[in-house]
Amino acid sequence: MDIILASASPRRRELMARITPDFTVCAADVDERAITAETPALLARRLAEAKCRAVARERARCAVIGCDTVVDVDGTVFGKPAGRDGARRMLRALSGRAHLVHTGVFICTPSRSLGFAETTRVTFAPLTDAEIDAYAATSDPYDKAGAYGVQSGASKFVTGVEGCFFNVMGFPVARVYAALKECGAL
């Protein structure tokens, strides 16, 4: 069965290759602003399902994987920052405290569907305004939920990760692997 990753994220593509080299990328066209949920974790799952189903309509004989990641600070969702001021605001909110990262995953195959949200707790060290400004001046924060990349420049800010590290990058590798096996795609 062909496997389709319904995501344009280079990080997800890299992590999916750890599961299998045999997959195709087909980014989903979904209006994310139209999707709501009662909790950040449920929002991530619903966004993942919408992306998965948008691609699965065109690729009904394949296994399609949709994903979406949100950062949750006391129930407030942080997506990708709109600009430097947004990145600074998010980083200030993350400074010196813990937050949750939820990645929703939804898989459709010709015979079944399976969805979940993986949650990881991340703790940041206290950040100075100079550290926040310097990081916001890089390109790193702008294509990532919560305005940071745990695998890149923000790694020096992270003092703790409880749960799946790869989930913070937007793709919980072990859980996706298990789900693909459960769905008969691997």
Protein backbone atom coordinates (compact mmCIF):
# COMPACT_ATOMS: atom_id res chain seq x y z
CA MET A 1 0.00 0.00 0.00
CA ASP A 2 1.39 3.43 -0.94
CA ILE A 3 1.91 5.79 1.99
CA ILE A 4 1.23 9.53 1.62
CA LEU A 5 2.40 12.13 4.14
CA ALA A 6 -0.11 14.99 3.95
CA SER A 7 2.38 17.60 5.17
CA ALA A 8 4.83 20.04 3.62
CA SER A 9 6.94 20.13 6.81
CA PRO A 10 10.58 19.27 6.17
CA ARG A 11 10.88 18.01 9.75
CA ARG A 12 7.97 15.60 9.33
CA ARG A 13 9.43 14.38 6.04
CA GLU A 14 12.78 13.73 7.76
CA LEU A 15 11.15 11.89 10.66
CA MET A 16 8.82 9.86 8.42
CA ALA A 17 11.91 8.60 6.59
CA ARG A 18 12.98 6.99 9.88
CA ILE A 19 9.90 4.78 9.64
CA THR A 20 10.14 3.99 5.92
CA PRO A 21 11.84 5.53 2.91
CA ASP A 22 8.86 4.52 0.76
CA PHE A 23 6.39 7.39 1.04
CA THR A 24 5.20 10.37 -0.98
CA VAL A 25 4.55 13.91 0.22
CA CYS A 26 1.28 15.57 -0.78
CA ALA A 27 0.54 18.72 1.21
CA ALA A 28 -3.09 19.25 2.14
CA ASP A 29 -4.99 22.41 1.30
CA VAL A 30 -7.12 23.08 4.39
CA ASP A 31 -8.45 26.32 5.88
CA GLU A 32 -7.15 25.79 9.41
CA ARG A 33 -8.96 28.88 10.74
CA ALA A 34 -12.31 27.18 10.10
CA ILE A 35 -11.51 24.32 12.50
CA THR A 36 -12.19 24.68 16.21
CA ALA A 37 -12.16 22.42 19.26
CA GLU A 38 -12.78 22.49 22.98
CA THR A 39 -9.13 21.78 23.89
CA PRO A 40 -5.74 22.35 22.23
CA ALA A 41 -5.11 18.59 21.99
CA LEU A 42 -8.45 18.03 20.27
CA LEU A 43 -7.73 20.95 17.93
CA ALA A 44 -4.45 19.33 16.86
CA ARG A 45 -6.28 16.05 16.20
CA ARG A 46 -9.08 17.72 14.23
CA LEU A 47 -6.59 19.67 12.12
CA ALA A 48 -4.70 16.45 11.40
CA GLU A 49 -7.93 14.70 10.42
CA ALA A 50 -8.93 17.52 8.07
CA LYS A 51 -5.54 17.42 6.34
CA CYS A 52 -5.62 13.64 6.09
CA ARG A 53 -9.13 13.49 4.66
CA ALA A 54 -8.42 16.29 2.15
CA VAL A 55 -5.61 14.23 0.63
CA ALA A 56 -7.36 10.87 1.09
CA ARG A 57 -10.26 12.05 -1.11
CA GLU A 58 -7.81 12.09 -4.01
CA ARG A 59 -5.77 9.05 -2.92
CA ALA A 60 -8.41 6.59 -1.67
CA ARG A 61 -6.25 3.49 -2.22
CA CYS A 62 -3.36 4.77 -0.12
CA ALA A 63 -2.50 5.12 3.54
CA VAL A 64 -2.61 8.87 4.21
CA ILE A 65 -1.08 10.48 7.30
CA GLY A 66 -2.21 13.95 8.39
CA CYS A 67 -0.47 15.82 11.21
CA ASP A 68 -0.71 19.13 13.00
CA THR A 69 1.12 20.51 16.02
CA VAL A 70 0.08 23.17 18.51
CA VAL A 71 1.77 24.57 21.58
CA ASP A 72 -0.51 24.83 24.62
CA VAL A 73 0.21 27.43 27.30
CA ASP A 74 -2.48 27.09 29.98
CA GLY A 75 -5.10 26.26 27.35
CA THR A 76 -4.08 29.01 24.92
CA VAL A 77 -2.98 27.72 21.51
CA PHE A 78 0.25 29.00 20.01
CA GLY A 79 0.55 28.23 16.33
CA LYS A 80 3.18 29.69 14.01
CA PRO A 81 3.99 33.34 14.78
CA ALA A 82 2.85 35.94 12.25
CA GLY A 83 6.02 38.00 12.59
CA ARG A 84 8.82 39.09 14.88
CA ASP A 85 6.49 40.67 17.46
CA GLY A 86 4.42 37.48 17.58
CA ALA A 87 7.54 35.36 18.02
CA ARG A 88 8.77 37.59 20.85
CA ARG A 89 5.37 37.45 22.57
CA MET A 90 5.30 33.64 22.39
CA LEU A 91 8.87 33.25 23.61
CA ARG A 92 8.21 35.57 26.55
CA ALA A 93 5.19 33.45 27.48
CA LEU A 94 7.31 30.25 27.33
CA SER A 95 10.21 31.72 29.32
CA GLY A 96 10.91 30.07 32.66
CA ARG A 97 8.02 27.64 32.61
CA ALA A 98 6.54 24.45 31.22
CA HIS A 99 4.07 24.12 28.36
CA LEU A 100 2.50 21.28 26.39
CA VAL A 101 3.07 20.35 22.77
CA HIS A 102 0.23 18.41 21.13
CA THR A 103 0.64 16.72 17.77
CA GLY A 104 -2.52 15.40 16.22
CA VAL A 105 -2.14 12.46 13.86
CA PHE A 106 -4.83 10.96 11.67
CA ILE A 107 -4.32 7.98 9.36
CA CYS A 108 -6.76 6.81 6.68
CA THR A 109 -6.37 3.58 4.76
CA PRO A 110 -8.87 1.99 2.37
CA SER A 111 -10.21 -0.15 5.22
CA ARG A 112 -9.91 1.96 8.37
CA SER A 113 -9.10 5.25 10.05
CA LEU A 114 -7.21 5.95 13.24
CA GLY A 115 -6.52 9.22 15.04
CA PHE A 116 -4.82 10.42 18.20
CA ALA A 117 -3.05 13.34 19.82
CA GLU A 118 0.38 12.84 21.39
CA THR A 119 1.33 15.25 24.19
CA THR A 120 4.79 16.19 25.42
CA ARG A 121 5.64 18.57 28.26
CA VAL A 122 8.52 20.98 27.55
CA THR A 123 10.21 23.26 30.09
CA PHE A 124 12.09 26.43 29.13
CA ALA A 125 14.77 28.21 31.14
CA PRO A 126 14.11 31.86 31.96
CA LEU A 127 15.00 33.95 28.89
CA THR A 128 16.35 37.48 28.84
CA ASP A 129 14.98 40.08 26.44
CA ALA A 130 18.33 39.94 24.64
CA GLU A 131 18.03 36.15 24.15
CA ILE A 132 14.46 36.50 22.90
CA ASP A 133 15.40 39.31 20.49
CA ALA A 134 18.44 37.42 19.17
CA TYR A 135 16.41 34.25 18.53
CA ALA A 136 13.53 36.20 16.97
CA ALA A 137 16.04 37.81 14.60
CA THR A 138 16.82 34.38 13.08
CA SER A 139 14.62 32.56 10.57
CA ASP A 140 14.09 29.66 12.99
CA PRO A 141 10.87 30.67 14.82
CA TYR A 142 8.65 31.46 11.86
CA ASP A 143 7.56 28.08 10.54
CA LYS A 144 7.11 26.39 13.89
CA ALA A 145 4.28 26.22 16.41
CA GLY A 146 5.19 28.17 19.52
CA ALA A 147 7.93 30.08 17.65
CA TYR A 148 10.73 27.64 18.43
CA GLY A 149 12.59 24.65 17.07
CA VAL A 150 13.66 22.23 19.81
CA GLN A 151 16.01 20.56 17.31
CA SER A 152 17.72 23.79 16.32
CA GLY A 153 18.41 27.23 17.80
CA ALA A 154 16.00 26.97 20.74
CA SER A 155 17.58 23.77 22.03
CA LYS A 156 19.71 25.90 24.38
CA PHE A 157 16.51 27.15 26.07
CA VAL A 158 14.95 23.73 26.77
CA THR A 159 15.70 22.40 30.25
CA GLY A 160 13.33 19.45 30.17
CA VAL A 161 11.25 17.23 27.91
CA GLU A 162 8.73 14.78 29.35
CA GLY A 163 7.39 12.48 26.68
CA CYS A 164 8.29 11.97 23.06
CA PHE A 165 11.07 14.34 21.92
CA PHE A 166 10.11 13.87 18.26
CA ASN A 167 6.57 14.96 19.08
CA VAL A 168 7.96 18.41 19.87
CA MET A 169 9.29 18.44 16.29
CA GLY A 170 5.78 17.63 15.08
CA PHE A 171 5.92 13.89 14.45
CA PRO A 172 5.76 11.27 17.23
CA VAL A 173 7.77 8.62 15.39
CA ALA A 174 7.17 5.56 17.58
CA ARG A 175 3.44 6.14 17.89
CA VAL A 176 3.02 6.78 14.14
CA TYR A 177 5.00 3.61 13.40
CA ALA A 178 2.76 1.57 15.71
CA ALA A 179 -0.39 3.13 14.19
CA LEU A 180 0.76 2.37 10.63
CA LYS A 181 1.36 -1.25 11.63
CA GLU A 182 -2.04 -1.40 13.32
CA CYS A 183 -3.71 -0.05 10.16
CA GLY A 184 -1.91 -2.60 7.98
CA ALA A 185 0.08 0.01 6.07
CA LEU A 186 3.44 -1.47 7.13
